[in-house]
Amino acid sequence: MRGFYELSRADIARVLLALASIEQISLEDRGAVLSAIDAFKHGFDFADALHRPRASQASSFVTFDRGLAKRAAGVVGMPAIGLLK
């Protein structure tokens, strides 16, 4: 949506929240999706933001993505992130 429609992060978050509020749309983990939308609004990529609540019960989380590791450092509820080289 950012590339093709040139929507702002805030506009994309509003669209995703609107979609999540439609009764006929079933989400596998509504809490994780809502958490991901909130994290997206605060600078995470949406896919990375969706990993965050899903990884909250994990003892570790590793990635090749330096940006994700930097953004997630110190985020409450996120396990320590290891950076693979």
PDB file of N, CA and C in Angstrom:
ATOM      1  N   MET A   1       0.828  -1.194   0.000  1.00  0.00           N
ATOM      2  CA  MET A   1       0.000   0.000   0.000  1.00  0.00           C
ATOM      3  C   MET A   1       0.870   1.255   0.000  1.00  0.00           C
ATOM      4  N   ARG A   2       2.024   1.170   0.662  1.00  0.00           N
ATOM      5  CA  ARG A   2       2.905   2.341   0.687  1.00  0.00           C
ATOM      6  C   ARG A   2       3.473   2.623  -0.691  1.00  0.00           C
ATOM      7  N   GLY A   3       3.922   1.568  -1.391  1.00  0.00           N
ATOM      8  CA  GLY A   3       4.546   1.756  -2.690  1.00  0.00           C
ATOM      9  C   GLY A   3       3.567   2.093  -3.792  1.00  0.00           C
ATOM     10  N   PHE A   4       2.555   1.265  -3.969  1.00  0.00           N
ATOM     11  CA  PHE A   4       1.629   1.436  -5.084  1.00  0.00           C
ATOM     12  C   PHE A   4       0.661   2.596  -4.865  1.00  0.00           C
ATOM     13  N   TYR A   5       0.038   2.637  -3.687  1.00  0.00           N
ATOM     14  CA  TYR A   5      -0.957   3.675  -3.411  1.00  0.00           C
ATOM     15  C   TYR A   5      -0.360   4.918  -2.761  1.00  0.00           C
ATOM     16  N   GLU A   6       0.911   4.831  -2.361  1.00  0.00           N
ATOM     17  CA  GLU A   6       1.614   5.937  -1.700  1.00  0.00           C
ATOM     18  C   GLU A   6       0.881   6.412  -0.447  1.00  0.00           C
ATOM     19  N   LEU A   7       0.363   5.453   0.320  1.00  0.00           N
ATOM     20  CA  LEU A   7      -0.309   5.787   1.572  1.00  0.00           C
ATOM     21  C   LEU A   7       0.713   5.948   2.680  1.00  0.00           C
ATOM     22  N   SER A   8       0.394   6.801   3.623  1.00  0.00           N
ATOM     23  CA  SER A   8       1.265   6.987   4.785  1.00  0.00           C
ATOM     24  C   SER A   8       1.113   5.787   5.720  1.00  0.00           C
ATOM     25  N   ARG A   9       2.056   5.628   6.609  1.00  0.00           N
ATOM     26  CA  ARG A   9       2.007   4.568   7.618  1.00  0.00           C
ATOM     27  C   ARG A   9       0.711   4.670   8.431  1.00  0.00           C
ATOM     28  N   ALA A  10       0.326   5.887   8.807  1.00  0.00           N
ATOM     29  CA  ALA A  10      -0.901   6.092   9.598  1.00  0.00           C
ATOM     30  C   ALA A  10      -2.138   5.672   8.806  1.00  0.00           C
ATOM     31  N   ASP A  11      -2.183   5.998   7.515  1.00  0.00           N
ATOM     32  CA  ASP A  11      -3.321   5.609   6.684  1.00  0.00           C
ATOM     33  C   ASP A  11      -3.403   4.094   6.526  1.00  0.00           C
ATOM     34  N   ILE A  12      -2.260   3.457   6.341  1.00  0.00           N
ATOM     35  CA  ILE A  12      -2.239   1.997   6.215  1.00  0.00           C
ATOM     36  C   ILE A  12      -2.734   1.361   7.505  1.00  0.00           C
ATOM     37  N   ALA A  13      -2.291   1.875   8.644  1.00  0.00           N
ATOM     38  CA  ALA A  13      -2.743   1.343   9.935  1.00  0.00           C
ATOM     39  C   ALA A  13      -4.253   1.496  10.082  1.00  0.00           C
ATOM     40  N   ARG A  14      -4.788   2.630   9.649  1.00  0.00           N
ATOM     41  CA  ARG A  14      -6.250   2.833   9.713  1.00  0.00           C
ATOM     42  C   ARG A  14      -6.987   1.824   8.840  1.00  0.00           C
ATOM     43  N   VAL A  15      -6.457   1.557   7.649  1.00  0.00           N
ATOM     44  CA  VAL A  15      -7.082   0.581   6.750  1.00  0.00           C
ATOM     45  C   VAL A  15      -7.046  -0.805   7.383  1.00  0.00           C
ATOM     46  N   LEU A  16      -5.894  -1.186   7.926  1.00  0.00           N
ATOM     47  CA  LEU A  16      -5.778  -2.511   8.547  1.00  0.00           C
ATOM     48  C   LEU A  16      -6.708  -2.648   9.750  1.00  0.00           C
ATOM     49  N   LEU A  17      -6.810  -1.600  10.555  1.00  0.00           N
ATOM     50  CA  LEU A  17      -7.743  -1.635  11.693  1.00  0.00           C
ATOM     51  C   LEU A  17      -9.185  -1.749  11.225  1.00  0.00           C
ATOM     52  N   ALA A  18      -9.519  -1.041  10.156  1.00  0.00           N
ATOM     53  CA  ALA A  18     -10.882  -1.119   9.608  1.00  0.00           C
ATOM     54  C   ALA A  18     -11.172  -2.536   9.128  1.00  0.00           C
ATOM     55  N   LEU A  19     -10.214  -3.143   8.433  1.00  0.00           N
ATOM     56  CA  LEU A  19     -10.401  -4.522   7.969  1.00  0.00           C
ATOM     57  C   LEU A  19     -10.550  -5.481   9.149  1.00  0.00           C
ATOM     58  N   ALA A  20      -9.735  -5.294  10.178  1.00  0.00           N
ATOM     59  CA  ALA A  20      -9.788  -6.182  11.344  1.00  0.00           C
ATOM     60  C   ALA A  20     -11.106  -6.054  12.099  1.00  0.00           C
ATOM     61  N   SER A  21     -11.806  -4.941  11.917  1.00  0.00           N
ATOM     62  CA  SER A  21     -13.063  -4.738  12.649  1.00  0.00           C
ATOM     63  C   SER A  21     -14.288  -5.269  11.903  1.00  0.00           C
ATOM     64  N   ILE A  22     -14.106  -5.749  10.692  1.00  0.00           N
ATOM     65  CA  ILE A  22     -15.229  -6.294   9.916  1.00  0.00           C
ATOM     66  C   ILE A  22     -15.576  -7.687  10.456  1.00  0.00           C
ATOM     67  N   GLU A  23     -16.819  -7.854  10.875  1.00  0.00           N
ATOM     68  CA  GLU A  23     -17.253  -9.105  11.504  1.00  0.00           C
ATOM     69  C   GLU A  23     -17.048 -10.329  10.617  1.00  0.00           C
ATOM     70  N   GLN A  24     -17.220 -10.171   9.329  1.00  0.00           N
ATOM     71  CA  GLN A  24     -17.131 -11.311   8.415  1.00  0.00           C
ATOM     72  C   GLN A  24     -15.686 -11.739   8.128  1.00  0.00           C
ATOM     73  N   ILE A  25     -14.723 -10.967   8.586  1.00  0.00           N
ATOM     74  CA  ILE A  25     -13.318 -11.332   8.392  1.00  0.00           C
ATOM     75  C   ILE A  25     -12.833 -12.058   9.632  1.00  0.00           C
ATOM     76  N   SER A  26     -12.326 -13.252   9.421  1.00  0.00           N
ATOM     77  CA  SER A  26     -11.818 -14.067  10.522  1.00  0.00           C
ATOM     78  C   SER A  26     -10.295 -13.963  10.569  1.00  0.00           C
ATOM     79  N   LEU A  27      -9.761 -13.607  11.721  1.00  0.00           N
ATOM     80  CA  LEU A  27      -8.313 -13.509  11.910  1.00  0.00           C
ATOM     81  C   LEU A  27      -7.851 -14.659  12.794  1.00  0.00           C
ATOM     82  N   GLU A  28      -6.725 -15.251  12.437  1.00  0.00           N
ATOM     83  CA  GLU A  28      -6.209 -16.387  13.215  1.00  0.00           C
ATOM     84  C   GLU A  28      -5.910 -15.977  14.650  1.00  0.00           C
ATOM     85  N   ASP A  29      -5.286 -14.835  14.831  1.00  0.00           N
ATOM     86  CA  ASP A  29      -4.939 -14.354  16.162  1.00  0.00           C
ATOM     87  C   ASP A  29      -5.147 -12.838  16.193  1.00  0.00           C
ATOM     88  N   ARG A  30      -6.372 -12.442  16.486  1.00  0.00           N
ATOM     89  CA  ARG A  30      -6.750 -11.027  16.450  1.00  0.00           C
ATOM     90  C   ARG A  30      -5.832 -10.181  17.325  1.00  0.00           C
ATOM     91  N   GLY A  31      -5.491 -10.665  18.494  1.00  0.00           N
ATOM     92  CA  GLY A  31      -4.617  -9.907  19.391  1.00  0.00           C
ATOM     93  C   GLY A  31      -3.255  -9.654  18.772  1.00  0.00           C
ATOM     94  N   ALA A  32      -2.699 -10.673  18.122  1.00  0.00           N
ATOM     95  CA  ALA A  32      -1.393 -10.526  17.466  1.00  0.00           C
ATOM     96  C   ALA A  32      -1.476  -9.536  16.317  1.00  0.00           C
ATOM     97  N   VAL A  33      -2.563  -9.584  15.557  1.00  0.00           N
ATOM     98  CA  VAL A  33      -2.726  -8.666  14.423  1.00  0.00           C
ATOM     99  C   VAL A  33      -2.865  -7.236  14.933  1.00  0.00           C
ATOM    100  N   LEU A  34      -3.670  -7.028  15.964  1.00  0.00           N
ATOM    101  CA  LEU A  34      -3.838  -5.680  16.505  1.00  0.00           C
ATOM    102  C   LEU A  34      -2.530  -5.153  17.090  1.00  0.00           C
ATOM    103  N   SER A  35      -1.787  -6.024  17.758  1.00  0.00           N
ATOM    104  CA  SER A  35      -0.477  -5.643  18.279  1.00  0.00           C
ATOM    105  C   SER A  35       0.477  -5.286  17.143  1.00  0.00           C
ATOM    106  N   ALA A  36       0.421  -6.058  16.058  1.00  0.00           N
ATOM    107  CA  ALA A  36       1.282  -5.797  14.902  1.00  0.00           C
ATOM    108  C   ALA A  36       0.928  -4.463  14.248  1.00  0.00           C
ATOM    109  N   ILE A  37      -0.343  -4.141  14.178  1.00  0.00           N
ATOM    110  CA  ILE A  37      -0.756  -2.858  13.602  1.00  0.00           C
ATOM    111  C   ILE A  37      -0.216  -1.716  14.454  1.00  0.00           C
ATOM    112  N   ASP A  38      -0.303  -1.865  15.758  1.00  0.00           N
ATOM    113  CA  ASP A  38       0.219  -0.833  16.655  1.00  0.00           C
ATOM    114  C   ASP A  38       1.732  -0.676  16.486  1.00  0.00           C
ATOM    115  N   ALA A  39       2.458  -1.791  16.434  1.00  0.00           N
ATOM    116  CA  ALA A  39       3.908  -1.726  16.248  1.00  0.00           C
ATOM    117  C   ALA A  39       4.248  -1.136  14.886  1.00  0.00           C
ATOM    118  N   PHE A  40       3.460  -1.458  13.858  1.00  0.00           N
ATOM    119  CA  PHE A  40       3.658  -0.901  12.522  1.00  0.00           C
ATOM    120  C   PHE A  40       3.560   0.622  12.567  1.00  0.00           C
ATOM    121  N   LYS A  41       2.574   1.120  13.326  1.00  0.00           N
ATOM    122  CA  LYS A  41       2.419   2.570  13.459  1.00  0.00           C
ATOM    123  C   LYS A  41       3.661   3.204  14.078  1.00  0.00           C
ATOM    124  N   HIS A  42       4.410   2.420  14.864  1.00  0.00           N
ATOM    125  CA  HIS A  42       5.595   2.933  15.556  1.00  0.00           C
ATOM    126  C   HIS A  42       6.905   2.564  14.871  1.00  0.00           C
ATOM    127  N   GLY A  43       6.852   2.197  13.583  1.00  0.00           N
ATOM    128  CA  GLY A  43       8.067   2.039  12.811  1.00  0.00           C
ATOM    129  C   GLY A  43       8.468   0.639  12.387  1.00  0.00           C
ATOM    130  N   PHE A  44       7.826  -0.390  12.907  1.00  0.00           N
ATOM    131  CA  PHE A  44       8.147  -1.750  12.479  1.00  0.00           C
ATOM    132  C   PHE A  44       7.572  -2.011  11.095  1.00  0.00           C
ATOM    133  N   ASP A  45       8.199  -2.887  10.321  1.00  0.00           N
ATOM    134  CA  ASP A  45       7.566  -3.414   9.113  1.00  0.00           C
ATOM    135  C   ASP A  45       6.424  -4.293   9.609  1.00  0.00           C
ATOM    136  N   PHE A  46       5.334  -4.394   8.844  1.00  0.00           N
ATOM    137  CA  PHE A  46       4.176  -5.141   9.336  1.00  0.00           C
ATOM    138  C   PHE A  46       4.512  -6.607   9.590  1.00  0.00           C
ATOM    139  N   ALA A  47       5.230  -7.247   8.665  1.00  0.00           N
ATOM    140  CA  ALA A  47       5.569  -8.671   8.852  1.00  0.00           C
ATOM    141  C   ALA A  47       6.416  -8.859  10.110  1.00  0.00           C
ATOM    142  N   ASP A  48       7.396  -7.980  10.310  1.00  0.00           N
ATOM    143  CA  ASP A  48       8.213  -8.051  11.518  1.00  0.00           C
ATOM    144  C   ASP A  48       7.360  -7.816  12.755  1.00  0.00           C
ATOM    145  N   ALA A  49       6.446  -6.869  12.647  1.00  0.00           N
ATOM    146  CA  ALA A  49       5.576  -6.550  13.776  1.00  0.00           C
ATOM    147  C   ALA A  49       4.670  -7.722  14.126  1.00  0.00           C
ATOM    148  N   LEU A  50       4.295  -8.514  13.138  1.00  0.00           N
ATOM    149  CA  LEU A  50       3.462  -9.686  13.401  1.00  0.00           C
ATOM    150  C   LEU A  50       4.270 -10.784  14.085  1.00  0.00           C
ATOM    151  N   HIS A  51       5.556 -10.868  13.789  1.00  0.00           N
ATOM    152  CA  HIS A  51       6.415 -11.835  14.476  1.00  0.00           C
ATOM    153  C   HIS A  51       6.557 -11.492  15.961  1.00  0.00           C
ATOM    154  N   ARG A  52       6.546 -10.214  16.282  1.00  0.00           N
ATOM    155  CA  ARG A  52       6.783  -9.766  17.651  1.00  0.00           C
ATOM    156  C   ARG A  52       5.828 -10.387  18.669  1.00  0.00           C
ATOM    157  N   PRO A  53       4.515 -10.239  18.532  1.00  0.00           N
ATOM    158  CA  PRO A  53       3.638 -10.853  19.538  1.00  0.00           C
ATOM    159  C   PRO A  53       3.646 -12.384  19.466  1.00  0.00           C
ATOM    160  N   ARG A  54       3.880 -12.919  18.287  1.00  0.00           N
ATOM    161  CA  ARG A  54       3.926 -14.376  18.147  1.00  0.00           C
ATOM    162  C   ARG A  54       5.163 -14.946  18.835  1.00  0.00           C
ATOM    163  N   ALA A  55       6.216 -14.138  18.977  1.00  0.00           N
ATOM    164  CA  ALA A  55       7.460 -14.600  19.584  1.00  0.00           C
ATOM    165  C   ALA A  55       7.537 -14.277  21.074  1.00  0.00           C
ATOM    166  N   SER A  56       6.509 -13.666  21.624  1.00  0.00           N
ATOM    167  CA  SER A  56       6.575 -13.215  23.015  1.00  0.00           C
ATOM    168  C   SER A  56       6.764 -14.362  24.009  1.00  0.00           C
ATOM    169  N   GLN A  57       6.342 -15.561  23.663  1.00  0.00           N
ATOM    170  CA  GLN A  57       6.504 -16.717  24.548  1.00  0.00           C
ATOM    171  C   GLN A  57       7.794 -17.484  24.266  1.00  0.00           C
ATOM    172  N   ALA A  58       8.509 -17.076  23.226  1.00  0.00           N
ATOM    173  CA  ALA A  58       9.741 -17.779  22.849  1.00  0.00           C
ATOM    174  C   ALA A  58      10.893 -17.367  23.757  1.00  0.00           C
ATOM    175  N   SER A  59      11.845 -18.262  23.909  1.00  0.00           N
ATOM    176  CA  SER A  59      13.018 -17.938  24.728  1.00  0.00           C
ATOM    177  C   SER A  59      14.055 -17.176  23.917  1.00  0.00           C
ATOM    178  N   SER A  60      13.994 -17.294  22.585  1.00  0.00           N
ATOM    179  CA  SER A  60      14.924 -16.545  21.745  1.00  0.00           C
ATOM    180  C   SER A  60      14.303 -16.284  20.386  1.00  0.00           C
ATOM    181  N   PHE A  61      14.880 -15.333  19.696  1.00  0.00           N
ATOM    182  CA  PHE A  61      14.398 -14.921  18.385  1.00  0.00           C
ATOM    183  C   PHE A  61      15.635 -14.506  17.601  1.00  0.00           C
ATOM    184  N   VAL A  62      15.852 -15.085  16.437  1.00  0.00           N
ATOM    185  CA  VAL A  62      17.027 -14.736  15.639  1.00  0.00           C
ATOM    186  C   VAL A  62      16.593 -14.256  14.258  1.00  0.00           C
ATOM    187  N   THR A  63      17.411 -13.384  13.690  1.00  0.00           N
ATOM    188  CA  THR A  63      17.087 -12.801  12.395  1.00  0.00           C
ATOM    189  C   THR A  63      18.361 -12.407  11.653  1.00  0.00           C
ATOM    190  N   PHE A  64      18.247 -12.254  10.352  1.00  0.00           N
ATOM    191  CA  PHE A  64      19.313 -11.674   9.542  1.00  0.00           C
ATOM    192  C   PHE A  64      19.094 -10.165   9.397  1.00  0.00           C
ATOM    193  N   ASP A  65      17.935  -9.698   9.787  1.00  0.00           N
ATOM    194  CA  ASP A  65      17.505  -8.313   9.577  1.00  0.00           C
ATOM    195  C   ASP A  65      18.050  -7.386  10.663  1.00  0.00           C
ATOM    196  N   ARG A  66      19.089  -6.638  10.338  1.00  0.00           N
ATOM    197  CA  ARG A  66      19.700  -5.716  11.306  1.00  0.00           C
ATOM    198  C   ARG A  66      18.701  -4.648  11.765  1.00  0.00           C
ATOM    199  N   GLY A  67      17.870  -4.172  10.830  1.00  0.00           N
ATOM    200  CA  GLY A  67      16.876  -3.160  11.173  1.00  0.00           C
ATOM    201  C   GLY A  67      15.882  -3.658  12.201  1.00  0.00           C
ATOM    202  N   LEU A  68      15.420  -4.890  12.035  1.00  0.00           N
ATOM    203  CA  LEU A  68      14.493  -5.474  13.000  1.00  0.00           C
ATOM    204  C   LEU A  68      15.169  -5.600  14.359  1.00  0.00           C
ATOM    205  N   ALA A  69      16.390  -6.094  14.376  1.00  0.00           N
ATOM    206  CA  ALA A  69      17.109  -6.254  15.643  1.00  0.00           C
ATOM    207  C   ALA A  69      17.248  -4.908  16.356  1.00  0.00           C
ATOM    208  N   LYS A  70      17.543  -3.872  15.607  1.00  0.00           N
ATOM    209  CA  LYS A  70      17.704  -2.541  16.197  1.00  0.00           C
ATOM    210  C   LYS A  70      16.374  -2.000  16.714  1.00  0.00           C
ATOM    211  N   ARG A  71      15.311  -2.121  15.899  1.00  0.00           N
ATOM    212  CA  ARG A  71      13.999  -1.606  16.311  1.00  0.00           C
ATOM    213  C   ARG A  71      13.439  -2.360  17.511  1.00  0.00           C
ATOM    214  N   ALA A  72      13.708  -3.652  17.592  1.00  0.00           N
ATOM    215  CA  ALA A  72      13.118  -4.483  18.641  1.00  0.00           C
ATOM    216  C   ALA A  72      13.896  -4.437  19.951  1.00  0.00           C
ATOM    217  N   ALA A  73      15.106  -3.901  19.919  1.00  0.00           N
ATOM    218  CA  ALA A  73      15.920  -3.843  21.145  1.00  0.00           C
ATOM    219  C   ALA A  73      15.167  -3.089  22.235  1.00  0.00           C
ATOM    220  N   GLY A  74      14.982  -3.733  23.347  1.00  0.00           N
ATOM    221  CA  GLY A  74      14.328  -3.095  24.477  1.00  0.00           C
ATOM    222  C   GLY A  74      12.817  -3.049  24.430  1.00  0.00           C
ATOM    223  N   VAL A  75      12.193  -3.641  23.407  1.00  0.00           N
ATOM    224  CA  VAL A  75      10.731  -3.647  23.323  1.00  0.00           C
ATOM    225  C   VAL A  75      10.190  -4.621  24.362  1.00  0.00           C
ATOM    226  N   VAL A  76       9.302  -4.150  25.189  1.00  0.00           N
ATOM    227  CA  VAL A  76       8.710  -4.985  26.242  1.00  0.00           C
ATOM    228  C   VAL A  76       7.919  -6.115  25.599  1.00  0.00           C
ATOM    229  N   GLY A  77       8.061  -7.316  26.134  1.00  0.00           N
ATOM    230  CA  GLY A  77       7.318  -8.472  25.639  1.00  0.00           C
ATOM    231  C   GLY A  77       7.998  -9.164  24.474  1.00  0.00           C
ATOM    232  N   MET A  78       9.150  -8.693  24.061  1.00  0.00           N
ATOM    233  CA  MET A  78       9.880  -9.291  22.944  1.00  0.00           C
ATOM    234  C   MET A  78      11.116  -9.963  23.511  1.00  0.00           C
ATOM    235  N   PRO A  79      11.340 -11.231  23.162  1.00  0.00           N
ATOM    236  CA  PRO A  79      12.549 -11.880  23.658  1.00  0.00           C
ATOM    237  C   PRO A  79      13.776 -11.218  23.051  1.00  0.00           C
ATOM    238  N   ALA A  80      14.914 -11.462  23.647  1.00  0.00           N
ATOM    239  CA  ALA A  80      16.155 -10.925  23.104  1.00  0.00           C
ATOM    240  C   ALA A  80      16.327 -11.418  21.668  1.00  0.00           C
ATOM    241  N   ILE A  81      16.789 -10.535  20.821  1.00  0.00           N
ATOM    242  CA  ILE A  81      16.956 -10.887  19.411  1.00  0.00           C
ATOM    243  C   ILE A  81      18.426 -11.109  19.109  1.00  0.00           C
ATOM    244  N   GLY A  82      18.699 -12.259  18.517  1.00  0.00           N
ATOM    245  CA  GLY A  82      20.057 -12.562  18.072  1.00  0.00           C
ATOM    246  C   GLY A  82      20.174 -12.227  16.601  1.00  0.00           C
ATOM    247  N   LEU A  83      21.281 -11.632  16.231  1.00  0.00           N
ATOM    248  CA  LEU A  83      21.501 -11.248  14.846  1.00  0.00           C
ATOM    249  C   LEU A  83      22.429 -12.278  14.203  1.00  0.00           C
ATOM    250  N   LEU A  84      21.928 -12.946  13.155  1.00  0.00           N
ATOM    251  CA  LEU A  84      22.736 -13.907  12.404  1.00  0.00           C
ATOM    252  C   LEU A  84      23.532 -13.166  11.355  1.00  0.00           C
ATOM    253  N   LYS A  85      24.740 -13.603  11.143  1.00  0.00           N
ATOM    254  CA  LYS A  85      25.590 -12.923  10.155  1.00  0.00           C
ATOM    255  C   LYS A  85      25.784 -13.749   8.933  1.00  0.00           C
TER     256      LYS A  85
END
